[in-house]
């Protein structure tokens, strides 16, 4: 084979590999967007949220504390993402989402409905997150408080509630951490 032909073959192979890679990533992005839309639709219904919270507590051995990952994972499963039932902490959930093509983002003012948020006690992006919730929209244009869905019905009266996003606060004598990143 002539040198010119080898270069052409290598070029064509390179284009095919690049096209396959880009197609795969576009497919993952579109699939994940559909999952997020179905998850949000599911969480908009109070009965579905209550069913999801009950299932999260059952997966946590009947204990209502520390069920945020079970709650978020259950909602994502209803959206079509096959999160393993034994996903029990924020580190596991983050790794699983990354394996499915989700990416971490840090500019909280760019949050979109359906983003999966992670918080940490000191607001440091390198900390291990202590909580997760699904963002449902901003309260106002100040982009400080948002509506979220999570397991914290006891503290807020509903699984769908207003929550601090960009600052630390205390609700019912319990510290509420700052969001450090979100995934989509």
N, C-alpha and C. Protein backbone atom coordinates (compact mmCIF):
# COMPACT_ATOMS: atom_id res chain seq x y z
N UNK A 1 0.85 -1.17 0.00
CA UNK A 1 0.00 0.00 0.00
C UNK A 1 0.89 1.24 0.00
N UNK A 2 0.52 2.20 -0.81
CA UNK A 2 1.29 3.43 -0.92
C UNK A 2 1.09 4.30 0.33
N UNK A 3 2.08 5.15 0.59
CA UNK A 3 2.05 6.03 1.77
C UNK A 3 0.80 6.92 1.74
N UNK A 4 0.45 7.45 0.59
CA UNK A 4 -0.73 8.32 0.46
C UNK A 4 -2.00 7.57 0.82
N UNK A 5 -2.09 6.28 0.41
CA UNK A 5 -3.26 5.46 0.71
C UNK A 5 -3.33 5.15 2.21
N UNK A 6 -2.17 4.91 2.84
CA UNK A 6 -2.14 4.62 4.28
C UNK A 6 -2.64 5.83 5.06
N UNK A 7 -2.22 7.02 4.65
CA UNK A 7 -2.66 8.24 5.34
C UNK A 7 -4.17 8.41 5.19
N UNK A 8 -4.69 8.12 4.00
CA UNK A 8 -6.12 8.24 3.77
C UNK A 8 -6.89 7.24 4.63
N UNK A 9 -6.41 6.00 4.69
CA UNK A 9 -7.07 4.97 5.52
C UNK A 9 -7.04 5.38 6.99
N UNK A 10 -5.89 5.85 7.47
CA UNK A 10 -5.79 6.30 8.87
C UNK A 10 -6.72 7.49 9.13
N UNK A 11 -6.81 8.40 8.18
CA UNK A 11 -7.70 9.55 8.32
C UNK A 11 -9.15 9.09 8.42
N UNK A 12 -9.55 8.17 7.55
CA UNK A 12 -10.93 7.66 7.56
C UNK A 12 -11.22 6.93 8.87
N UNK A 13 -10.27 6.13 9.33
CA UNK A 13 -10.45 5.42 10.61
C UNK A 13 -10.59 6.44 11.74
N UNK A 14 -9.77 7.47 11.73
CA UNK A 14 -9.86 8.52 12.75
C UNK A 14 -11.22 9.20 12.75
N UNK A 15 -11.72 9.51 11.55
CA UNK A 15 -13.04 10.14 11.44
C UNK A 15 -14.12 9.20 11.96
N UNK A 16 -14.03 7.93 11.64
CA UNK A 16 -15.01 6.95 12.12
C UNK A 16 -14.99 6.84 13.65
N UNK A 17 -13.81 6.80 14.24
CA UNK A 17 -13.69 6.72 15.70
C UNK A 17 -14.26 7.98 16.35
N UNK A 18 -13.90 9.14 15.81
CA UNK A 18 -14.40 10.40 16.35
C UNK A 18 -15.92 10.49 16.22
N UNK A 19 -16.46 10.10 15.09
CA UNK A 19 -17.90 10.12 14.86
C UNK A 19 -18.61 9.18 15.84
N UNK A 20 -18.06 8.00 16.05
CA UNK A 20 -18.65 7.04 16.99
C UNK A 20 -18.65 7.61 18.40
N UNK A 21 -17.53 8.20 18.80
CA UNK A 21 -17.40 8.78 20.13
C UNK A 21 -18.42 9.90 20.34
N UNK A 22 -18.50 10.81 19.37
CA UNK A 22 -19.44 11.92 19.48
C UNK A 22 -20.88 11.44 19.47
N UNK A 23 -21.19 10.47 18.63
CA UNK A 23 -22.55 9.94 18.58
C UNK A 23 -22.93 9.31 19.91
N UNK A 24 -22.02 8.56 20.51
CA UNK A 24 -22.28 7.91 21.79
C UNK A 24 -22.55 8.95 22.87
N UNK A 25 -21.74 10.02 22.91
CA UNK A 25 -21.92 11.05 23.92
C UNK A 25 -23.20 11.85 23.70
N UNK A 26 -23.55 12.12 22.45
CA UNK A 26 -24.81 12.81 22.17
C UNK A 26 -25.98 11.93 22.59
N UNK A 27 -25.90 10.63 22.29
CA UNK A 27 -26.95 9.70 22.70
C UNK A 27 -27.11 9.71 24.22
N UNK A 28 -25.99 9.64 24.95
CA UNK A 28 -26.04 9.64 26.43
C UNK A 28 -26.68 10.92 26.94
N UNK A 29 -26.29 12.05 26.37
CA UNK A 29 -26.85 13.33 26.80
C UNK A 29 -28.35 13.37 26.57
N UNK A 30 -28.81 12.97 25.41
CA UNK A 30 -30.24 12.97 25.11
C UNK A 30 -30.99 11.99 26.01
N UNK A 31 -30.41 10.81 26.23
CA UNK A 31 -31.04 9.82 27.12
C UNK A 31 -31.16 10.38 28.52
N UNK A 32 -30.09 10.99 29.03
CA UNK A 32 -30.12 11.53 30.38
C UNK A 32 -31.12 12.68 30.51
N UNK A 33 -31.25 13.50 29.48
CA UNK A 33 -32.22 14.59 29.50
C UNK A 33 -33.64 14.03 29.59
N UNK A 34 -33.93 12.96 28.88
CA UNK A 34 -35.25 12.32 28.95
C UNK A 34 -35.49 11.73 30.34
N UNK A 35 -34.47 11.12 30.91
CA UNK A 35 -34.58 10.57 32.26
C UNK A 35 -34.90 11.67 33.26
N UNK A 36 -34.19 12.78 33.17
CA UNK A 36 -34.42 13.90 34.08
C UNK A 36 -35.85 14.44 33.92
N UNK A 37 -36.32 14.58 32.69
CA UNK A 37 -37.69 15.08 32.47
C UNK A 37 -38.72 14.14 33.08
N UNK A 38 -38.54 12.84 32.90
CA UNK A 38 -39.49 11.87 33.48
C UNK A 38 -39.40 11.88 35.01
N UNK A 39 -38.18 12.07 35.54
CA UNK A 39 -38.00 12.13 37.00
C UNK A 39 -38.74 13.33 37.57
N UNK A 40 -38.59 14.48 36.94
CA UNK A 40 -39.26 15.69 37.41
C UNK A 40 -40.78 15.52 37.34
N UNK A 41 -41.27 14.97 36.24
CA UNK A 41 -42.72 14.73 36.12
C UNK A 41 -43.21 13.83 37.25
N UNK A 42 -42.46 12.80 37.56
CA UNK A 42 -42.81 11.89 38.65
C UNK A 42 -42.85 12.63 39.99
N UNK A 43 -41.86 13.46 40.25
CA UNK A 43 -41.77 14.16 41.54
C UNK A 43 -42.78 15.29 41.68
N UNK A 44 -43.38 15.72 40.62
CA UNK A 44 -44.40 16.78 40.72
C UNK A 44 -45.69 16.27 41.35
N UNK A 45 -45.87 14.98 41.38
CA UNK A 45 -47.08 14.39 41.95
C UNK A 45 -46.85 14.04 43.42
N UNK A 46 -47.67 14.59 44.31
CA UNK A 46 -47.50 14.37 45.75
C UNK A 46 -47.58 12.88 46.11
N UNK A 47 -48.51 12.15 45.51
CA UNK A 47 -48.63 10.72 45.81
C UNK A 47 -47.38 9.96 45.41
N UNK A 48 -46.80 10.31 44.27
CA UNK A 48 -45.56 9.67 43.83
C UNK A 48 -44.41 9.99 44.78
N UNK A 49 -44.33 11.23 45.22
CA UNK A 49 -43.27 11.60 46.19
C UNK A 49 -43.41 10.80 47.48
N UNK A 50 -44.65 10.66 47.96
CA UNK A 50 -44.87 9.93 49.21
C UNK A 50 -44.52 8.45 49.04
N UNK A 51 -44.89 7.89 47.89
CA UNK A 51 -44.55 6.49 47.59
C UNK A 51 -43.03 6.32 47.52
N UNK A 52 -42.36 7.28 46.90
CA UNK A 52 -40.91 7.23 46.77
C UNK A 52 -40.22 7.34 48.13
N UNK A 53 -40.72 8.22 48.99
CA UNK A 53 -40.16 8.37 50.34
C UNK A 53 -40.34 7.08 51.14
N UNK A 54 -41.50 6.50 51.05
CA UNK A 54 -41.77 5.23 51.76
C UNK A 54 -40.81 4.14 51.28
N UNK A 55 -40.60 4.05 49.98
CA UNK A 55 -39.68 3.04 49.43
C UNK A 55 -38.24 3.32 49.87
N UNK A 56 -37.86 4.60 49.95
CA UNK A 56 -36.51 4.97 50.39
C UNK A 56 -36.29 4.53 51.84
N UNK A 57 -37.27 4.74 52.67
CA UNK A 57 -37.17 4.34 54.08
C UNK A 57 -37.07 2.82 54.20
N UNK A 58 -37.84 2.12 53.41
CA UNK A 58 -37.77 0.64 53.41
C UNK A 58 -36.38 0.16 52.99
N UNK A 59 -35.81 0.78 51.95
CA UNK A 59 -34.47 0.39 51.50
C UNK A 59 -33.41 0.69 52.57
N UNK A 60 -33.72 1.63 53.46
CA UNK A 60 -32.79 1.99 54.53
C UNK A 60 -33.13 1.23 55.82
N UNK A 61 -33.73 0.07 55.67
CA UNK A 61 -34.02 -0.78 56.82
C UNK A 61 -35.09 -0.23 57.74
N UNK A 62 -35.98 0.63 57.22
CA UNK A 62 -37.05 1.20 58.03
C UNK A 62 -36.67 2.48 58.74
N UNK A 63 -35.44 2.93 58.55
CA UNK A 63 -34.95 4.14 59.21
C UNK A 63 -35.14 5.33 58.26
N UNK A 64 -35.84 6.37 58.74
CA UNK A 64 -36.10 7.54 57.90
C UNK A 64 -34.90 8.47 57.80
N UNK A 65 -33.93 8.37 58.70
CA UNK A 65 -32.74 9.23 58.66
C UNK A 65 -31.79 8.78 57.55
N UNK A 66 -31.14 9.74 56.94
CA UNK A 66 -30.12 9.46 55.91
C UNK A 66 -30.67 8.65 54.73
N UNK A 67 -31.82 9.05 54.25
CA UNK A 67 -32.40 8.36 53.09
C UNK A 67 -32.36 9.20 51.82
N UNK A 68 -31.59 10.29 51.83
CA UNK A 68 -31.60 11.19 50.67
C UNK A 68 -31.16 10.49 49.38
N UNK A 69 -30.13 9.66 49.47
CA UNK A 69 -29.66 8.97 48.26
C UNK A 69 -30.68 7.94 47.80
N UNK A 70 -31.30 7.24 48.75
CA UNK A 70 -32.35 6.29 48.38
C UNK A 70 -33.52 7.03 47.72
N UNK A 71 -33.87 8.20 48.24
CA UNK A 71 -34.97 8.99 47.67
C UNK A 71 -34.62 9.44 46.25
N UNK A 72 -33.47 10.07 46.08
CA UNK A 72 -33.07 10.55 44.75
C UNK A 72 -32.93 9.39 43.76
N UNK A 73 -32.32 8.29 44.22
CA UNK A 73 -32.14 7.13 43.34
C UNK A 73 -33.48 6.54 42.92
N UNK A 74 -34.42 6.48 43.86
CA UNK A 74 -35.76 5.96 43.53
C UNK A 74 -36.45 6.82 42.49
N UNK A 75 -36.35 8.14 42.65
CA UNK A 75 -36.96 9.04 41.67
C UNK A 75 -36.30 8.86 40.30
N UNK A 76 -34.98 8.73 40.28
CA UNK A 76 -34.27 8.51 39.01
C UNK A 76 -34.65 7.17 38.39
N UNK A 77 -34.86 6.15 39.22
CA UNK A 77 -35.31 4.85 38.68
C UNK A 77 -36.67 5.01 38.01
N UNK A 78 -37.57 5.78 38.62
CA UNK A 78 -38.87 6.03 38.01
C UNK A 78 -38.73 6.81 36.71
N UNK A 79 -37.65 7.58 36.60
CA UNK A 79 -37.37 8.30 35.36
C UNK A 79 -36.73 7.43 34.29
N UNK A 80 -36.31 6.22 34.67
CA UNK A 80 -35.74 5.29 33.69
C UNK A 80 -34.27 4.98 33.86
N UNK A 81 -33.61 5.55 34.86
CA UNK A 81 -32.20 5.26 35.11
C UNK A 81 -32.11 4.10 36.09
N UNK A 82 -31.38 3.08 35.75
CA UNK A 82 -31.33 1.85 36.56
C UNK A 82 -30.30 1.94 37.68
N UNK A 83 -30.54 2.87 38.61
CA UNK A 83 -29.64 3.03 39.75
C UNK A 83 -29.75 1.78 40.62
N UNK A 84 -28.62 1.14 40.95
CA UNK A 84 -28.68 -0.06 41.79
C UNK A 84 -29.37 0.22 43.12
N UNK A 85 -30.17 -0.72 43.60
CA UNK A 85 -30.91 -0.55 44.85
C UNK A 85 -30.00 -0.35 46.06
N UNK A 86 -28.77 -0.84 45.98
CA UNK A 86 -27.86 -0.72 47.12
C UNK A 86 -27.03 0.57 47.09
N UNK A 87 -27.37 1.50 46.21
CA UNK A 87 -26.69 2.80 46.19
C UNK A 87 -27.18 3.56 47.41
N UNK A 88 -26.28 3.76 48.39
CA UNK A 88 -26.71 4.24 49.70
C UNK A 88 -26.05 5.53 50.17
N UNK A 89 -25.06 6.03 49.43
CA UNK A 89 -24.41 7.27 49.88
C UNK A 89 -24.07 8.15 48.68
N UNK A 90 -23.73 9.39 48.98
CA UNK A 90 -23.51 10.37 47.92
C UNK A 90 -22.32 10.03 47.04
N UNK A 91 -21.30 9.42 47.61
CA UNK A 91 -20.14 9.03 46.81
C UNK A 91 -20.53 7.97 45.78
N UNK A 92 -21.28 6.98 46.22
CA UNK A 92 -21.74 5.93 45.29
C UNK A 92 -22.63 6.51 44.20
N UNK A 93 -23.55 7.39 44.59
CA UNK A 93 -24.46 7.97 43.60
C UNK A 93 -23.70 8.81 42.59
N UNK A 94 -22.76 9.63 43.06
CA UNK A 94 -21.96 10.46 42.15
C UNK A 94 -21.21 9.58 41.16
N UNK A 95 -20.54 8.54 41.64
CA UNK A 95 -19.78 7.64 40.75
C UNK A 95 -20.70 6.97 39.74
N UNK A 96 -21.87 6.53 40.19
CA UNK A 96 -22.80 5.88 39.27
C UNK A 96 -23.24 6.86 38.19
N UNK A 97 -23.61 8.08 38.59
CA UNK A 97 -24.06 9.07 37.60
C UNK A 97 -22.97 9.38 36.59
N UNK A 98 -21.74 9.51 37.05
CA UNK A 98 -20.62 9.75 36.13
C UNK A 98 -20.50 8.59 35.14
N UNK A 99 -20.67 7.36 35.62
CA UNK A 99 -20.56 6.19 34.74
C UNK A 99 -21.65 6.18 33.67
N UNK A 100 -22.73 6.91 33.91
CA UNK A 100 -23.83 6.98 32.95
C UNK A 100 -23.80 8.26 32.11
N UNK A 101 -22.69 8.99 32.20
CA UNK A 101 -22.52 10.17 31.35
C UNK A 101 -22.93 11.48 31.97
N UNK A 102 -23.37 11.47 33.22
CA UNK A 102 -23.67 12.73 33.89
C UNK A 102 -22.36 13.43 34.21
N UNK A 103 -22.41 14.75 34.26
CA UNK A 103 -21.21 15.54 34.56
C UNK A 103 -21.47 16.45 35.75
N UNK A 104 -20.39 16.78 36.45
CA UNK A 104 -20.47 17.71 37.57
C UNK A 104 -20.38 19.14 37.05
N UNK A 105 -21.19 20.02 37.66
CA UNK A 105 -21.16 21.45 37.37
C UNK A 105 -21.13 22.19 38.69
N UNK A 106 -20.51 23.37 38.68
CA UNK A 106 -20.29 24.10 39.93
C UNK A 106 -20.94 25.48 39.98
N UNK A 107 -21.36 26.03 38.87
CA UNK A 107 -21.97 27.36 38.86
C UNK A 107 -23.45 27.23 39.22
N UNK A 108 -23.76 27.43 40.50
CA UNK A 108 -25.11 27.20 41.00
C UNK A 108 -26.16 28.10 40.36
N UNK A 109 -25.76 29.24 39.84
CA UNK A 109 -26.73 30.13 39.18
C UNK A 109 -27.24 29.54 37.87
N UNK A 110 -26.57 28.48 37.40
CA UNK A 110 -26.99 27.84 36.15
C UNK A 110 -27.79 26.56 36.39
N UNK A 111 -28.23 26.35 37.63
CA UNK A 111 -29.06 25.19 37.93
C UNK A 111 -30.30 25.17 37.06
N UNK A 112 -30.68 23.96 36.63
CA UNK A 112 -31.89 23.76 35.85
C UNK A 112 -32.77 22.75 36.57
N UNK A 113 -34.05 22.84 36.32
CA UNK A 113 -35.00 21.90 36.90
C UNK A 113 -34.55 20.48 36.57
N UNK A 114 -34.48 19.64 37.60
CA UNK A 114 -34.09 18.24 37.43
C UNK A 114 -32.63 17.96 37.75
N UNK A 115 -31.82 19.00 37.93
CA UNK A 115 -30.42 18.77 38.28
C UNK A 115 -30.34 18.09 39.64
N UNK A 116 -29.38 17.22 39.79
CA UNK A 116 -29.18 16.47 41.03
C UNK A 116 -28.09 17.20 41.80
N UNK A 117 -28.47 17.80 42.94
CA UNK A 117 -27.57 18.65 43.71
C UNK A 117 -26.96 17.89 44.88
N UNK A 118 -25.76 18.29 45.24
CA UNK A 118 -25.04 17.70 46.36
C UNK A 118 -24.54 18.83 47.25
N UNK A 119 -24.70 18.66 48.57
CA UNK A 119 -24.30 19.68 49.53
C UNK A 119 -23.16 19.17 50.41
N UNK A 120 -22.47 20.12 51.05
CA UNK A 120 -21.40 19.76 51.99
C UNK A 120 -21.38 20.77 53.14
N UNK A 121 -20.99 20.31 54.32
CA UNK A 121 -21.03 21.15 55.52
C UNK A 121 -20.30 22.48 55.42
N UNK A 122 -19.15 22.51 54.78
CA UNK A 122 -18.37 23.74 54.69
C UNK A 122 -18.47 24.42 53.33
N UNK A 123 -19.26 23.85 52.44
CA UNK A 123 -19.41 24.43 51.12
C UNK A 123 -18.20 24.28 50.23
N UNK A 124 -17.32 23.35 50.56
CA UNK A 124 -16.09 23.12 49.82
C UNK A 124 -16.34 22.03 48.77
N UNK A 125 -16.08 22.35 47.51
CA UNK A 125 -16.36 21.39 46.43
C UNK A 125 -15.56 20.10 46.53
N UNK A 126 -14.49 20.09 47.34
CA UNK A 126 -13.70 18.87 47.49
C UNK A 126 -14.14 18.02 48.69
N UNK A 127 -15.12 18.49 49.44
CA UNK A 127 -15.65 17.71 50.56
C UNK A 127 -16.51 16.56 50.05
N UNK A 128 -16.67 15.55 50.88
CA UNK A 128 -17.62 14.48 50.58
C UNK A 128 -19.00 15.04 50.87
N UNK A 129 -19.90 15.00 49.89
CA UNK A 129 -21.23 15.56 50.11
C UNK A 129 -21.96 14.85 51.26
N UNK A 130 -22.77 15.65 51.99
CA UNK A 130 -23.54 15.10 53.10
C UNK A 130 -25.03 14.99 52.78
N UNK A 131 -25.44 15.47 51.60
CA UNK A 131 -26.87 15.42 51.25
C UNK A 131 -27.02 15.56 49.74
N UNK A 132 -28.13 15.05 49.23
CA UNK A 132 -28.47 15.22 47.83
C UNK A 132 -29.96 15.49 47.70
N UNK A 133 -30.32 16.24 46.68
CA UNK A 133 -31.73 16.51 46.38
C UNK A 133 -31.86 16.80 44.90
N UNK A 134 -33.10 16.81 44.44
CA UNK A 134 -33.36 17.13 43.04
C UNK A 134 -33.95 18.54 42.98
N UNK A 135 -33.29 19.39 42.22
CA UNK A 135 -33.68 20.79 42.08
C UNK A 135 -34.93 20.89 41.22
N UNK A 136 -35.92 21.67 41.73
CA UNK A 136 -37.19 21.80 41.02
C UNK A 136 -37.46 23.22 40.53
N UNK A 137 -36.56 24.16 40.82
CA UNK A 137 -36.72 25.52 40.32
C UNK A 137 -36.36 26.56 41.37
N UNK A 138 -36.06 27.76 40.90
CA UNK A 138 -35.71 28.86 41.80
C UNK A 138 -36.97 29.47 42.40
N UNK A 139 -36.86 29.96 43.62
CA UNK A 139 -37.95 30.68 44.27
C UNK A 139 -38.15 32.04 43.61
N UNK A 140 -37.03 32.71 43.30
CA UNK A 140 -37.09 34.02 42.66
C UNK A 140 -35.80 34.26 41.87
N UNK A 141 -35.66 35.42 41.31
CA UNK A 141 -34.51 35.73 40.46
C UNK A 141 -33.21 35.94 41.23
N UNK A 142 -33.25 35.97 42.55
CA UNK A 142 -32.04 36.13 43.35
C UNK A 142 -31.17 34.88 43.32
N UNK A 143 -31.74 33.74 42.96
CA UNK A 143 -31.02 32.47 42.84
C UNK A 143 -30.27 32.11 44.13
N UNK A 144 -30.95 32.22 45.25
CA UNK A 144 -30.39 31.83 46.54
C UNK A 144 -31.16 30.66 47.14
N UNK A 145 -32.49 30.70 47.03
CA UNK A 145 -33.37 29.65 47.52
C UNK A 145 -34.03 28.97 46.33
N UNK A 146 -34.23 27.67 46.47
CA UNK A 146 -34.89 26.93 45.41
C UNK A 146 -35.92 25.99 45.97
N UNK A 147 -36.73 25.45 45.07
CA UNK A 147 -37.64 24.36 45.42
C UNK A 147 -36.92 23.07 45.09
N UNK A 148 -36.98 22.13 46.02
CA UNK A 148 -36.28 20.86 45.85
C UNK A 148 -37.19 19.71 46.25
N UNK A 149 -36.81 18.51 45.84
CA UNK A 149 -37.44 17.29 46.32
C UNK A 149 -36.37 16.44 46.97
N UNK A 150 -36.65 16.02 48.19
CA UNK A 150 -35.72 15.14 48.90
C UNK A 150 -36.46 14.39 50.00
N UNK A 151 -35.71 13.75 50.85
CA UNK A 151 -36.25 12.91 51.92
C UNK A 151 -36.65 13.69 53.17
N UNK A 152 -36.49 14.98 53.18
CA UNK A 152 -36.61 15.75 54.42
C UNK A 152 -38.02 16.27 54.68
N UNK A 153 -39.00 15.41 54.49
CA UNK A 153 -40.39 15.77 54.75
C UNK A 153 -40.59 16.15 56.21
N UNK A 154 -39.94 15.43 57.11
CA UNK A 154 -40.13 15.68 58.55
C UNK A 154 -39.74 17.12 58.91
N UNK A 155 -38.64 17.59 58.40
CA UNK A 155 -38.16 18.93 58.74
C UNK A 155 -38.89 20.05 58.05
N UNK A 156 -39.46 19.78 56.87
CA UNK A 156 -40.08 20.83 56.08
C UNK A 156 -41.60 20.66 55.92
N UNK A 157 -42.12 19.49 56.28
CA UNK A 157 -43.55 19.24 56.14
C UNK A 157 -43.94 18.62 54.81
N UNK A 158 -42.99 18.54 53.86
CA UNK A 158 -43.28 17.97 52.55
C UNK A 158 -41.95 17.60 51.89
N UNK A 159 -41.97 16.60 51.06
CA UNK A 159 -40.76 16.21 50.31
C UNK A 159 -40.42 17.25 49.24
N UNK A 160 -41.42 18.02 48.84
CA UNK A 160 -41.22 19.14 47.90
C UNK A 160 -41.26 20.40 48.75
N UNK A 161 -40.17 21.14 48.81
CA UNK A 161 -40.11 22.29 49.70
C UNK A 161 -39.07 23.30 49.25
N UNK A 162 -39.16 24.47 49.86
CA UNK A 162 -38.18 25.53 49.64
C UNK A 162 -36.94 25.20 50.47
N UNK A 163 -35.76 25.46 49.89
CA UNK A 163 -34.51 25.16 50.58
C UNK A 163 -33.43 26.16 50.18
N UNK A 164 -32.52 26.42 51.11
CA UNK A 164 -31.34 27.22 50.79
C UNK A 164 -30.49 26.46 49.77
N UNK A 165 -29.94 27.17 48.82
CA UNK A 165 -29.08 26.55 47.81
C UNK A 165 -27.66 27.08 47.94
N UNK A 166 -27.52 28.39 47.99
CA UNK A 166 -26.19 29.02 47.89
C UNK A 166 -25.64 29.53 49.22
N UNK A 167 -26.31 29.25 50.30
CA UNK A 167 -25.84 29.71 51.61
C UNK A 167 -26.23 28.69 52.68
N UNK A 168 -25.54 28.75 53.79
CA UNK A 168 -25.82 27.86 54.91
C UNK A 168 -26.91 28.47 55.78
N UNK A 169 -27.77 27.64 56.33
CA UNK A 169 -28.81 28.11 57.23
C UNK A 169 -29.15 27.00 58.22
N UNK A 170 -30.04 27.31 59.14
CA UNK A 170 -30.52 26.33 60.11
C UNK A 170 -32.04 26.30 60.03
N UNK A 171 -32.59 25.10 59.93
CA UNK A 171 -34.04 24.90 59.92
C UNK A 171 -34.36 23.93 61.05
N UNK A 172 -35.27 24.33 61.93
CA UNK A 172 -35.64 23.47 63.07
C UNK A 172 -34.42 22.96 63.84
N UNK A 173 -33.49 23.85 64.10
CA UNK A 173 -32.26 23.54 64.84
C UNK A 173 -31.34 22.56 64.12
N UNK A 174 -31.51 22.42 62.83
CA UNK A 174 -30.65 21.53 62.05
C UNK A 174 -29.96 22.32 60.95
N UNK A 175 -28.62 22.21 60.90
CA UNK A 175 -27.83 22.93 59.89
C UNK A 175 -28.14 22.36 58.50
N UNK A 176 -28.34 23.26 57.56
CA UNK A 176 -28.58 22.90 56.16
C UNK A 176 -27.40 23.39 55.34
N UNK A 177 -26.68 22.46 54.77
CA UNK A 177 -25.43 22.74 54.06
C UNK A 177 -25.67 23.46 52.72
N UNK A 178 -24.59 24.00 52.20
CA UNK A 178 -24.57 24.70 50.92
C UNK A 178 -24.38 23.68 49.79
N UNK A 179 -25.05 23.91 48.66
CA UNK A 179 -24.81 23.07 47.48
C UNK A 179 -23.39 23.31 46.99
N UNK A 180 -22.69 22.23 46.66
CA UNK A 180 -21.31 22.37 46.17
C UNK A 180 -21.18 22.02 44.70
N UNK A 181 -22.05 21.15 44.21
CA UNK A 181 -22.08 20.86 42.78
C UNK A 181 -23.41 20.22 42.45
N UNK A 182 -23.67 20.16 41.16
CA UNK A 182 -24.86 19.47 40.68
C UNK A 182 -24.48 18.66 39.46
N UNK A 183 -25.35 17.73 39.12
CA UNK A 183 -25.07 16.85 37.99
C UNK A 183 -26.25 16.84 37.04
N UNK A 184 -25.91 16.72 35.77
CA UNK A 184 -26.93 16.55 34.73
C UNK A 184 -26.31 15.79 33.59
